[in-house]
Each structure stands twice: as structure tokens, then as C-alpha cells.
Amino acid sequence: MAATMVSASLNNKFSKRKRVLLLVVSIVFLVVVVFVSLFVVYTFTVNGGGGGVSLEGGVFVGSEGELEAAVVDAGLVGGGGSTVVVVLTRDVFLSGPLVVGEGCNVTLTSGGGRFGGGFFRLVGAKERYTVVVEDGGWLCVDGVVITHNKSTVPWGGGGVLVWGGGEFVLVRGKISDNGYVHYPPSPMGGGVKNMGVFRMFGGEISNNKAEYVLYHQQQAYGVEGEGGGVYNGGVFEMFGGSIINNVAGKCGGGVCNEGEFTMYDGLIINNKTVGKPHLTPDCGGGVFNYGVGSFVMFGGLISVNRASMGGGVYSVGRGGVVFEGVVVFNLGSGWKGYNVCVVDKDGNVVG
């Protein structure tokens, strides 16, 4: 009898252990299934047609000829306001600029969710812009890297040129490793040169250059270059994303603004100007605002940028600046402001 009770007790304990073990295994299995499911959904959303872009009905391209034909065809239907989604299925190398002309409404994305994941590259030709948006053209980049081969930088070419009347929207992806250094005139906008409308909701503008060293009889006597990341002569609205690790020779390592620049959110971090003060005074490591340009910062962060004058922001001229975001921990070596320096048209420091 006692032996039977002991045996029953042991069986009961083993049964409880089995139930606990089964419960634990079930919970772990459920967590794994949920995690994998979410990961699959996330991967498709981010790398595939995410950002609100549906690949259904898109034009899939894998060569320069196919890409150019898709953009030209977009112009045939763009007059009615329709947007054509063009999907890269691999890296595409260009022999000249990709021109988005009048009437073209194009969203450019990658087929990563269906073709192995990640963003494909659009690689520009040497000494040319990778993409040109002309008057009446509209381009949205939502998951593509616009770049040049590093072996051609800084002599490579600019990233995106937007003419007056054109509009460019960056949602996801990168504009990276471009360097527009044509001289004369002074190079402007290594990543983006905007004379129309540029709206940035996300993505990254990084590692671009606008820099040209002036020589006379093999002696350097100055450095030119404005807007390592972005040169804006039109309307630039920044709602998110990051402008990071860009270089300008003279002014505006991150952004050089001569138009209307409004920053609602996002990051402008670790940009710099490299002009030598005894050769060419350099200013505005993060943002350089001048002429009739206006810079309004409602949110976001400008930090760890570097210039001789105005490591974070340097503003001079008839335009104005308004700050509600955070400008902090920038570096300067000159007497005119480490973080922010505002100068009137007569050269007097007023803020």
C-alpha cells in the first residue's frame, strides 16, 4: 500500500513537471512564431515595398536602358497626375544622369523584399549628377542608394540636382558618397543641389563632399565649396532623417541655405567645413544661412558639427533664423560662436 502511494506521488510529480515543461515549450514556441512572423512582415515592409509604396503594378527594371525607358514612359502618363512606381531589381550603373523631366511623376524603390533584401544602388557616372529633376518633374526616392563609386570621389559627381519647378522627396534610402567639385563655379551641394522643392521625411544624406582647393603655382591659396550635404536655393523642408558626415570646403558642411529651409525634425550631425582660416574663412559646420535665406528650426537636433566660425549654425545677410529645436555640442575654433553665430549684413555679431 505504502509503495503504491509513493509510486502515485512520484507519478504525480513527474506529471506536473511534464505539464510545466510542456507549458514552457509552448510559450517559447509561440514567442518564436510571433517573432518570426513580425520579422517577416517587417522585412517585407522595410526592404520591400514599405514606406507606403506598393510594388503591385510597379515597373521592374535591372539596367540603365530599362530604367530610362520606365521614366520616359512615366512622362506619358504623368500629365494626369498618375505616379509610376519604378522598382530596381539590382544595382544599376549609369553612363549619364537619370533625367526626370516635365510631366514625369516617379517613385523609385528597391524590390528587396522579393529579391533578397536591402536597398539597391543607383550609381552615377563620373563627373555627372546621378539624378536630375527638371522643371515640372517629380521624384520620390523610397528605398534606393544614390551614389558614385568611391574611386571617383571627390571628382565623381553630385547626387541629385533639382531645377526650379522640380520637386524631390526622400522617404527612405541614402544619398551617399557623392562629391561635386566642378570649378568654376564654386562646387555646391555634394549630396543634393536644390533650386526647386526638396522634402525630406527620412533616409540619410551622408559622406558627400563639396570641396575644391585653389592653387597658384602649386601653392594652395584658398578652399571653395558650399553645402557638403545639401545646397538649397529653393524650398527645403526637413521632417526627419539625418544629414551626417558631410564635408564642405568653405560653408555649410551639412546644409548651405540661400533659400527657405524649415527643419521640423531630424538630425544634422558630424558635418564639417575644412577651409583654412588663413586662406579661406570657413563657417557653418552644420548649417550656413546667408543672403536672403531664411532658416527656421522647429525641432530636431544639430550637434557635433565643426567649423572655424559657427560650428553649429552660422547666419549672415538679410535673411533670418528662428530656433525652437536643439543646437548643442558643436565645435568651433574662431571667435564668432562655437554653437550659433548670427551676423548682420555689416558684419556685426548680433547673436
Foldseek 3Di string as FASTA:
>chain_A
DVVVVVVVVVVVVVVVVVVVVVVVVVVVVVVVVVVVVVVLVVQCQQFAQHPPGDCVQAAEDAEPVSVLVQLVVQQVVLVVVDEHEYEYLAAYEDQAANENEASHHYEYAYRQSPRPGAAHEQAYAALHENYEYEANGEYEYRGHEFEHPLVRPPRGYAHYEYAANGEYEYEEYEQEHFHNADDPPQFEARHYEHQHEYEYQEYEQEHFERWDFDDDPNHTQKMGFEAQRYEDNEEYEYNEYEQEHGETAAEAQRYEYAYEYEYAEYEQEHGEYNMDCRRHAHEAQRYEAEAQYEYEYQEYEFEQGEGQAARGYEYEYDYYYHDDYYFDHGAHNHPQDRTYWYAYNVGHTDD
